[in-house]
């Protein structure tokens, strides 16, 4: 969430964020500032009463207290109890309202109130040419017995699938490629140099297999719990299935303090994720694009405030490098204010061309949060000067494995239904050139 003092000092920026992210009907900034004034006033009054109560308690220790002192002590107890109840109610309302305020956005984020206002920043690569009518991934998956949604529906329900045979091997090859690449400092250095991110640390990513569930408190602190209808809750417990690995990576250092020398801390999480895909009934029902269960590799980092924007740019550069290693045509999307999301200060998408659908589809997203998440998580850094500050956080897709396999299947398909394997993945598949 935002700092209340920042909101007072930069009121116009906050009001712009509320309006341009689509929260104008839900948030009254004047009311939040009034609640802050009330809680400060009530807190000051409570402190004054406590001070007087302590003074009376000290006097009562010296012999027999005067009856008037006893009566004043009783009255103070009642006054303080009533005041504290009032303060608790005001603070509860204040925190709830404060948590609803979205993060302010960076100056280069396009202003818009729908996905249609996103901007295409760059188009990279040539679209593949076929001497046959290209199929979509699901047609090929059925033909090759790689995808079985019919039996999954029998066992689990709609929007689940059995992934089988060579498609499983392809997924494992992609995982190995990403894990080996992003844990290699030389590759991180190469990407930093190519993108002129001078001075940024080349520290590699630490691979992590995170828990697949998290507590309500942590999910809420990450500001990723909403919309709740899109999440899966464990019945009878305050536990949720995570919707992406960054939900459990970003919260793992809650209430901790890093030393400045430790930063950046970079994680690469591999997790099976779960989303109900509420509101998408009838969309993308063919194939494995919009599933309730899917596997993802996700990047997460903790940095100082001075390096966090460059860290975001590094994450986007890594995404582009990986897509280019697979030689897939793609475009870079600057997401508008409406589409970047409540906690984000900036958001970039990568969309890869899918010949079977004759359009670009999102495969990657990169989210820059500044200190918006860490304020609620209470994740801080002790600077070399000894000062304590909130860390800044970034997260980004390394590969959503289902979607990137779709891109490989459709872009590398041959007329006979076989799939050429991108050269960079062949060493992870015993040198095979086709699936």
Protein backbone atom coordinates (compact mmCIF):
# COMPACT_ATOMS: atom_id res chain seq x y z
CA UNK A 1 0.00 0.00 0.00
CA UNK A 2 1.02 3.64 -0.26
CA UNK A 3 2.48 5.68 2.58
CA UNK A 4 -0.04 8.19 3.93
CA UNK A 5 2.59 10.96 4.01
CA UNK A 6 3.37 10.30 0.34
CA UNK A 7 -0.35 10.53 -0.40
CA UNK A 8 -0.53 13.96 1.25
CA UNK A 9 2.63 15.23 -0.45
CA UNK A 10 1.72 13.86 -3.90
CA UNK A 11 -2.04 14.09 -3.79
CA UNK A 12 -2.51 14.78 -7.51
CA UNK A 13 -0.48 11.71 -8.51
CA UNK A 14 -2.56 9.55 -6.17
CA UNK A 15 -5.82 10.99 -7.49
CA UNK A 16 -4.63 10.35 -11.06
CA UNK A 17 -3.86 6.73 -10.16
CA UNK A 18 -7.26 6.25 -8.55
CA UNK A 19 -9.01 7.67 -11.60
CA UNK A 20 -6.88 6.17 -14.37
CA UNK A 21 -6.73 2.70 -12.82
CA UNK A 22 -10.51 2.61 -12.63
CA UNK A 23 -11.09 3.03 -8.86
CA UNK A 24 -12.79 6.45 -8.83
CA UNK A 25 -16.17 4.98 -7.82
CA UNK A 26 -14.67 2.97 -4.95
CA UNK A 27 -12.20 5.30 -3.25
CA UNK A 28 -12.75 8.67 -1.53
CA UNK A 29 -9.31 10.16 -0.91
CA UNK A 30 -10.74 13.01 1.16
CA UNK A 31 -12.35 10.48 3.50
CA UNK A 32 -9.06 8.58 3.91
CA UNK A 33 -7.19 11.76 4.82
CA UNK A 34 -9.96 12.72 7.28
CA UNK A 35 -9.72 9.26 8.89
CA UNK A 36 -5.96 9.76 9.22
CA UNK A 37 -6.56 13.10 10.96
CA UNK A 38 -9.08 11.44 13.31
CA UNK A 39 -6.78 8.57 14.23
CA UNK A 40 -3.88 10.97 14.88
CA UNK A 41 -6.10 13.12 17.11
CA UNK A 42 -7.52 10.14 18.99
CA UNK A 43 -4.07 8.60 19.37
CA UNK A 44 -2.76 11.86 20.84
CA UNK A 45 -5.66 12.05 23.28
CA UNK A 46 -5.08 8.43 24.31
CA UNK A 47 -1.38 9.11 24.91
CA UNK A 48 -2.27 12.08 27.12
CA UNK A 49 -4.66 9.97 29.21
CA UNK A 50 -2.08 7.18 29.53
CA UNK A 51 0.51 9.68 30.72
CA UNK A 52 -1.86 11.00 33.38
CA UNK A 53 -2.78 7.43 34.40
CA UNK A 54 0.90 6.58 34.82
CA UNK A 55 1.44 9.68 36.95
CA UNK A 56 -1.47 8.72 39.23
CA UNK A 57 -0.18 5.15 39.48
CA UNK A 58 3.21 6.50 40.59
CA UNK A 59 1.60 8.70 43.25
CA UNK A 60 -0.46 5.76 44.57
CA UNK A 61 2.73 3.86 45.38
CA UNK A 62 3.72 6.46 47.99
CA UNK A 63 1.52 5.66 50.97
CA UNK A 64 -2.25 5.72 51.10
CA UNK A 65 -3.68 7.54 48.04
CA UNK A 66 -6.20 10.35 48.36
CA UNK A 67 -9.84 9.38 47.54
CA UNK A 68 -9.90 11.99 44.79
CA UNK A 69 -6.84 10.32 43.23
CA UNK A 70 -8.57 6.95 43.32
CA UNK A 71 -11.71 8.39 41.71
CA UNK A 72 -9.66 10.12 39.02
CA UNK A 73 -7.88 6.83 38.32
CA UNK A 74 -11.22 5.06 37.84
CA UNK A 75 -12.51 7.82 35.58
CA UNK A 76 -9.33 7.70 33.51
CA UNK A 77 -9.71 3.96 33.03
CA UNK A 78 -13.22 4.42 31.66
CA UNK A 79 -12.27 7.38 29.47
CA UNK A 80 -9.27 5.54 28.06
CA UNK A 81 -11.29 2.38 27.40
CA UNK A 82 -13.92 4.36 25.46
CA UNK A 83 -11.25 6.30 23.57
CA UNK A 84 -9.31 3.14 22.65
CA UNK A 85 -12.50 1.49 21.34
CA UNK A 86 -13.15 4.54 19.20
CA UNK A 87 -9.53 4.56 18.00
CA UNK A 88 -9.67 0.87 17.10
CA UNK A 89 -12.78 1.41 14.99
CA UNK A 90 -11.30 4.43 13.20
CA UNK A 91 -7.96 2.68 12.58
CA UNK A 92 -9.73 -0.40 11.21
CA UNK A 93 -11.71 1.71 8.75
CA UNK A 94 -8.59 3.73 7.90
CA UNK A 95 -6.43 0.66 7.13
CA UNK A 96 -9.19 -0.92 5.04
CA UNK A 97 -9.58 2.28 3.00
CA UNK A 98 -5.81 2.79 2.70
CA UNK A 99 -5.26 -0.74 1.39
CA UNK A 100 -7.75 -0.05 -1.40
CA UNK A 101 -5.70 2.81 -2.89
CA UNK A 102 -3.74 1.65 -5.95
CA UNK A 103 -0.05 2.27 -6.51
CA UNK A 104 0.88 5.38 -8.49
CA UNK A 105 2.17 4.70 -11.99
CA UNK A 106 5.38 5.64 -13.78
CA UNK A 107 5.41 8.60 -16.17
CA UNK A 108 5.81 6.40 -19.27
CA UNK A 109 2.73 4.26 -18.59
CA UNK A 110 0.00 4.96 -21.19
CA UNK A 111 -3.21 6.33 -19.70
CA UNK A 112 -6.21 4.22 -20.63
CA UNK A 113 -9.34 2.60 -19.27
CA UNK A 114 -9.32 -0.70 -21.18
CA UNK A 115 -6.92 -3.23 -22.70
CA UNK A 116 -7.55 -1.49 -26.03
CA UNK A 117 -5.43 1.40 -24.76
CA UNK A 118 -2.31 -0.75 -24.39
CA UNK A 119 0.48 0.28 -26.76
CA UNK A 120 2.59 -1.91 -29.04
CA UNK A 121 6.14 -0.77 -28.30
CA UNK A 122 8.01 -3.09 -30.66
CA UNK A 123 7.48 -6.02 -33.03
CA UNK A 124 10.33 -8.51 -33.31
CA UNK A 125 10.95 -11.40 -35.71
CA UNK A 126 9.47 -12.61 -38.97
CA UNK A 127 6.20 -14.52 -38.99
CA UNK A 128 6.63 -18.12 -40.15
CA UNK A 129 5.55 -19.11 -43.66
CA UNK A 130 3.93 -22.49 -44.33
CA UNK A 131 3.22 -24.33 -47.58
CA UNK A 132 0.20 -25.89 -45.85
CA UNK A 133 -2.67 -24.65 -43.68
CA UNK A 134 -1.20 -24.43 -40.15
CA UNK A 135 -3.14 -26.16 -37.39
CA UNK A 136 -3.67 -24.91 -33.88
CA UNK A 137 -1.87 -26.63 -31.02
CA UNK A 138 -4.95 -28.58 -29.88
CA UNK A 139 -5.48 -30.21 -33.26
CA UNK A 140 -1.87 -31.32 -33.24
CA UNK A 141 -2.03 -32.32 -29.57
CA UNK A 142 -5.02 -34.58 -30.24
CA UNK A 143 -3.43 -36.02 -33.37
CA UNK A 144 -0.22 -36.86 -31.46
CA UNK A 145 -2.01 -37.98 -28.25
CA UNK A 146 -0.22 -35.29 -26.25
CA UNK A 147 -3.31 -33.60 -24.75
CA UNK A 148 -6.28 -35.41 -23.23
CA UNK A 149 -8.96 -33.05 -21.94
CA UNK A 150 -11.82 -35.51 -22.29
CA UNK A 151 -10.50 -37.88 -19.62
CA UNK A 152 -9.42 -34.95 -17.45
CA UNK A 153 -12.99 -33.62 -17.57
CA UNK A 154 -14.23 -37.04 -16.45
CA UNK A 155 -11.80 -37.09 -13.52
CA UNK A 156 -11.58 -33.42 -12.54
CA UNK A 157 -13.87 -31.22 -14.63
CA UNK A 158 -13.54 -28.63 -17.37
CA UNK A 159 -10.33 -26.66 -17.96
CA UNK A 160 -8.01 -29.45 -16.87
CA UNK A 161 -5.91 -31.71 -19.08
CA UNK A 162 -3.60 -34.69 -19.07
CA UNK A 163 -0.32 -33.70 -20.75
CA UNK A 164 1.38 -36.77 -22.17
CA UNK A 165 4.32 -38.21 -24.05
CA UNK A 166 6.76 -35.95 -25.85
CA UNK A 167 4.93 -32.83 -24.68
CA UNK A 168 5.97 -33.68 -21.10
CA UNK A 169 9.56 -34.08 -22.28
CA UNK A 170 9.35 -30.72 -24.06
CA UNK A 171 8.16 -29.06 -20.85
CA UNK A 172 11.02 -30.54 -18.86
CA UNK A 173 13.48 -29.39 -21.54
CA UNK A 174 12.15 -25.82 -21.26
CA UNK A 175 12.44 -25.95 -17.47
CA UNK A 176 16.04 -27.12 -17.67
CA UNK A 177 16.89 -24.47 -20.26
CA UNK A 178 15.49 -21.66 -18.09
CA UNK A 179 16.96 -22.96 -14.82
CA UNK A 180 20.42 -23.36 -16.35
CA UNK A 181 20.30 -20.00 -18.13
CA UNK A 182 19.08 -17.78 -15.29
CA UNK A 183 21.37 -19.36 -12.69
CA UNK A 184 24.34 -18.61 -14.99
CA UNK A 185 25.97 -15.28 -14.11
CA UNK A 186 27.67 -15.01 -17.51
CA UNK A 187 24.27 -15.00 -19.24
CA UNK A 188 22.91 -12.34 -16.86
CA UNK A 189 26.02 -10.24 -17.58
CA UNK A 190 25.46 -10.66 -21.32
CA UNK A 191 21.84 -9.50 -21.06
CA UNK A 192 22.79 -6.52 -18.87
CA UNK A 193 25.50 -5.42 -21.32
CA UNK A 194 23.30 -5.86 -24.40
CA UNK A 195 20.56 -3.70 -22.86
CA UNK A 196 22.89 -1.01 -21.45
CA UNK A 197 21.82 -1.58 -17.87
CA UNK A 198 25.16 -0.28 -16.66
CA UNK A 199 25.99 -0.79 -13.01
CA UNK A 200 23.24 -3.34 -12.39
CA UNK A 201 24.30 -6.45 -10.48
CA UNK A 202 24.83 -9.63 -12.51
CA UNK A 203 23.87 -11.80 -9.57
CA UNK A 204 22.15 -14.94 -10.91
CA UNK A 205 18.74 -16.27 -9.87
CA UNK A 206 18.37 -18.89 -7.17
CA UNK A 207 16.05 -21.72 -8.29
CA UNK A 208 13.22 -22.37 -5.82
CA UNK A 209 10.49 -24.99 -5.51
CA UNK A 210 8.04 -23.02 -3.34
CA UNK A 211 4.99 -24.14 -1.35
CA UNK A 212 1.83 -24.26 -3.42
CA UNK A 213 -0.36 -22.78 -0.67
CA UNK A 214 -0.24 -19.61 1.40
CA UNK A 215 -2.12 -18.15 4.32
CA UNK A 216 -4.81 -15.50 3.86
CA UNK A 217 -2.69 -12.94 5.73
CA UNK A 218 0.26 -13.39 3.37
CA UNK A 219 -1.87 -13.46 0.21
CA UNK A 220 -3.57 -10.24 1.30
CA UNK A 221 -0.25 -8.59 2.18
CA UNK A 222 1.00 -9.39 -1.34
CA UNK A 223 -2.16 -7.62 -2.62
CA UNK A 224 -2.75 -10.59 -4.96
CA UNK A 225 -5.69 -12.20 -3.17
CA UNK A 226 -8.29 -10.21 -5.07
CA UNK A 227 -10.37 -11.01 -7.00
CA UNK A 228 -11.11 -13.84 -4.57
CA UNK A 229 -13.54 -15.50 -6.97
CA UNK A 230 -10.50 -16.27 -9.13
CA UNK A 231 -8.70 -18.09 -6.27
CA UNK A 232 -9.06 -21.54 -4.75
CA UNK A 233 -9.51 -21.63 -0.95
CA UNK A 234 -8.96 -24.72 1.20
CA UNK A 235 -12.31 -25.39 2.85
CA UNK A 236 -12.31 -24.75 6.59
CA UNK A 237 -8.79 -23.26 6.66
CA UNK A 238 -7.18 -19.88 6.08
CA UNK A 239 -5.14 -21.38 3.24
CA UNK A 240 -5.28 -20.74 -0.50
CA UNK A 241 -3.76 -22.42 -3.52
CA UNK A 242 -1.33 -19.93 -5.03
CA UNK A 243 -2.18 -18.43 -8.40
CA UNK A 244 1.43 -17.87 -9.47
CA UNK A 245 4.83 -18.55 -7.92
CA UNK A 246 5.48 -14.88 -7.12
CA UNK A 247 2.67 -15.01 -4.55
CA UNK A 248 4.72 -17.36 -2.39
CA UNK A 249 8.13 -15.98 -3.40
CA UNK A 250 7.33 -12.34 -2.69
CA UNK A 251 5.92 -13.15 0.75
CA UNK A 252 8.74 -15.42 1.93
CA UNK A 253 10.71 -12.53 3.49
CA UNK A 254 7.78 -10.89 5.30
CA UNK A 255 8.88 -9.16 8.52
CA UNK A 256 12.56 -9.62 7.66
CA UNK A 257 15.45 -7.19 7.22
CA UNK A 258 18.09 -7.63 4.52
CA UNK A 259 21.56 -6.14 4.76
CA UNK A 260 22.22 -3.86 1.79
CA UNK A 261 25.11 -6.09 0.68
CA UNK A 262 22.66 -8.99 0.22
CA UNK A 263 20.65 -7.20 -2.47
CA UNK A 264 19.55 -7.89 -5.07
CA UNK A 265 17.97 -11.17 -4.03
CA UNK A 266 16.67 -12.93 -7.14
CA UNK A 267 14.54 -16.07 -7.19
CA UNK A 268 13.34 -18.29 -10.01
CA UNK A 269 10.33 -20.27 -8.83
CA UNK A 270 8.82 -23.31 -10.51
CA UNK A 271 5.28 -24.07 -9.38
CA UNK A 272 1.99 -25.59 -10.41
CA UNK A 273 -0.49 -22.74 -10.11
CA UNK A 274 -4.27 -22.62 -9.78
CA UNK A 275 -6.89 -20.11 -10.94
CA UNK A 276 -10.63 -20.44 -11.26
CA UNK A 277 -10.64 -18.19 -14.36
CA UNK A 278 -13.84 -16.59 -13.11
CA UNK A 279 -15.67 -14.62 -15.79
CA UNK A 280 -14.04 -16.47 -18.71
CA UNK A 281 -16.79 -18.98 -19.39
CA UNK A 282 -16.75 -19.88 -23.07
CA UNK A 283 -13.36 -18.25 -23.73
CA UNK A 284 -10.41 -20.32 -24.99
CA UNK A 285 -12.20 -23.58 -24.33
CA UNK A 286 -10.25 -25.31 -27.09
CA UNK A 287 -6.76 -26.38 -26.11
CA UNK A 288 -4.71 -25.51 -23.04
CA UNK A 289 -4.51 -21.71 -23.09
CA UNK A 290 -6.78 -20.86 -20.14
CA UNK A 291 -6.59 -23.71 -17.63
CA UNK A 292 -7.49 -24.00 -13.95
CA UNK A 293 -4.12 -25.67 -13.34
CA UNK A 294 -0.90 -24.73 -15.10
CA UNK A 295 2.87 -24.76 -14.57
CA UNK A 296 4.94 -21.59 -14.53
CA UNK A 297 8.49 -20.41 -14.04
CA UNK A 298 8.42 -17.03 -12.33
CA UNK A 299 11.10 -14.47 -11.49
CA UNK A 300 10.97 -12.46 -8.25
CA UNK A 301 13.48 -9.97 -6.85
CA UNK A 302 14.11 -7.70 -3.87
CA UNK A 303 16.21 -4.59 -4.48
CA UNK A 304 16.99 -1.11 -3.20
CA UNK A 305 14.85 1.78 -4.42
CA UNK A 306 17.72 3.12 -6.56
CA UNK A 307 18.00 -0.03 -8.70
CA UNK A 308 14.39 -1.25 -8.85
CA UNK A 309 13.39 0.38 -12.16
CA UNK A 310 16.50 -1.01 -13.87
CA UNK A 311 15.69 -4.39 -12.32
CA UNK A 312 12.28 -4.23 -13.98
CA UNK A 313 13.96 -3.46 -17.30
CA UNK A 314 16.33 -6.40 -16.75
CA UNK A 315 13.37 -8.73 -16.22
CA UNK A 316 11.84 -7.59 -19.52
CA UNK A 317 15.21 -8.00 -21.24
CA UNK A 318 15.48 -11.55 -19.86
CA UNK A 319 12.01 -12.38 -21.16
CA UNK A 320 12.93 -11.10 -24.60
CA UNK A 321 16.24 -12.99 -24.57
CA UNK A 322 14.50 -16.27 -23.76
CA UNK A 323 11.86 -15.85 -26.47
CA UNK A 324 14.58 -14.95 -28.95
CA UNK A 325 16.58 -18.04 -27.96
CA UNK A 326 13.53 -20.06 -29.05
CA UNK A 327 13.39 -17.98 -32.28
CA UNK A 328 9.74 -17.05 -31.86
CA UNK A 329 8.21 -13.87 -33.33
CA UNK A 330 6.82 -11.57 -30.65
CA UNK A 331 5.77 -8.07 -29.79
CA UNK A 332 6.30 -5.91 -26.67
CA UNK A 333 3.22 -4.31 -25.10
CA UNK A 334 3.26 -1.29 -22.79
CA UNK A 335 0.25 -1.88 -20.59
CA UNK A 336 -1.98 1.08 -19.84
CA UNK A 337 -2.98 2.35 -16.40
CA UNK A 338 -6.16 0.27 -16.34
CA UNK A 339 -4.41 -2.97 -17.29
CA UNK A 340 -1.24 -2.89 -15.15
CA UNK A 341 -3.10 -3.78 -11.98
CA UNK A 342 -3.57 -2.22 -8.56
CA UNK A 343 -0.12 -2.82 -7.01
CA UNK A 344 1.88 -2.13 -10.19
CA UNK A 345 3.73 1.06 -11.04
CA UNK A 346 4.47 -0.25 -14.55
CA UNK A 347 3.66 -3.38 -16.54
CA UNK A 348 5.04 -4.87 -19.75
CA UNK A 349 3.65 -7.86 -21.66
CA UNK A 350 5.32 -10.05 -24.25
CA UNK A 351 2.95 -11.52 -26.85
CA UNK A 352 4.13 -14.36 -29.10
CA UNK A 353 2.69 -15.03 -32.56
CA UNK A 354 0.49 -18.13 -32.77
CA UNK A 355 -0.01 -19.20 -36.42
CA UNK A 356 -2.83 -21.60 -35.54
CA UNK A 357 -4.83 -18.67 -34.17
CA UNK A 358 -3.44 -16.08 -36.58
CA UNK A 359 -2.73 -13.59 -33.81
CA UNK A 360 -0.35 -12.63 -31.02
CA UNK A 361 -1.18 -13.98 -27.55
CA UNK A 362 0.26 -12.99 -24.18
CA UNK A 363 2.96 -15.33 -22.90
CA UNK A 364 4.80 -13.09 -20.42
CA UNK A 365 4.13 -10.21 -18.08
CA UNK A 366 6.55 -8.11 -16.00
CA UNK A 367 5.30 -6.21 -12.92
CA UNK A 368 7.12 -3.36 -11.19
CA UNK A 369 5.73 -2.70 -7.70
CA UNK A 370 8.19 -0.22 -6.10
CA UNK A 371 7.66 -0.49 -2.28
CA UNK A 372 3.88 -1.02 -2.54
CA UNK A 373 3.99 -4.70 -1.53
CA UNK A 374 6.88 -4.48 0.93
CA UNK A 375 5.09 -1.88 3.07
CA UNK A 376 2.40 -4.41 4.01
CA UNK A 377 4.87 -7.29 4.11
CA UNK A 378 7.24 -5.23 6.27
CA UNK A 379 10.23 -6.39 4.23
CA UNK A 380 13.08 -3.95 4.71
CA UNK A 381 16.77 -3.35 4.04
CA UNK A 382 19.35 -1.95 6.43
CA UNK A 383 21.39 0.46 4.36
CA UNK A 384 25.13 0.78 4.80
CA UNK A 385 24.40 4.05 6.62
CA UNK A 386 22.39 2.10 9.21
CA UNK A 387 19.02 3.44 8.04
CA UNK A 388 16.09 1.08 7.56
CA UNK A 389 14.11 1.34 4.32
CA UNK A 390 11.48 -0.71 2.55
CA UNK A 391 12.79 -2.90 -0.26
CA UNK A 392 11.39 -2.67 -3.78
CA UNK A 393 9.93 -5.73 -5.52
CA UNK A 394 9.66 -6.96 -9.11
CA UNK A 395 8.12 -10.09 -10.52
CA UNK A 396 7.89 -11.41 -14.07
CA UNK A 397 7.05 -14.54 -16.01
CA UNK A 398 10.05 -16.58 -17.10
CA UNK A 399 7.83 -19.02 -19.00
CA UNK A 400 4.19 -19.97 -18.60
CA UNK A 401 4.95 -23.49 -19.77
CA UNK A 402 1.65 -24.33 -21.39
CA UNK A 403 1.58 -21.14 -23.43
CA UNK A 404 5.19 -21.33 -24.57
CA UNK A 405 4.70 -24.96 -25.62
CA UNK A 406 1.68 -23.83 -27.63
CA UNK A 407 3.90 -21.25 -29.34
CA UNK A 408 6.55 -23.87 -30.15
CA UNK A 409 3.99 -26.37 -31.47
CA UNK A 410 2.28 -23.84 -33.73
CA UNK A 411 5.38 -22.03 -35.01
CA UNK A 412 7.51 -25.16 -35.53
CA UNK A 413 4.83 -27.50 -36.92
CA UNK A 414 5.37 -29.53 -40.08
CA UNK A 415 2.76 -30.78 -42.52
CA UNK A 416 2.89 -34.32 -41.11
CA UNK A 417 2.09 -33.13 -37.56
CA UNK A 418 5.64 -33.46 -36.27
CA UNK A 419 7.27 -30.50 -34.51
CA UNK A 420 10.76 -29.20 -35.08
CA UNK A 421 12.52 -28.65 -31.78
CA UNK A 422 14.07 -25.19 -31.26
CA UNK A 423 17.82 -25.64 -31.48
CA UNK A 424 18.49 -24.33 -27.97
CA UNK A 425 16.33 -27.11 -26.47
CA UNK A 426 17.77 -30.05 -28.40
CA UNK A 427 20.54 -30.85 -25.94
CA UNK A 428 17.88 -31.40 -23.29
CA UNK A 429 16.08 -33.87 -25.58
CA UNK A 430 18.96 -36.23 -26.41
CA UNK A 431 19.86 -34.21 -29.50
CA UNK A 432 16.54 -34.95 -31.24
CA UNK A 433 15.51 -32.47 -33.92
CA UNK A 434 11.78 -33.26 -34.06
CA UNK A 435 8.99 -34.44 -31.79
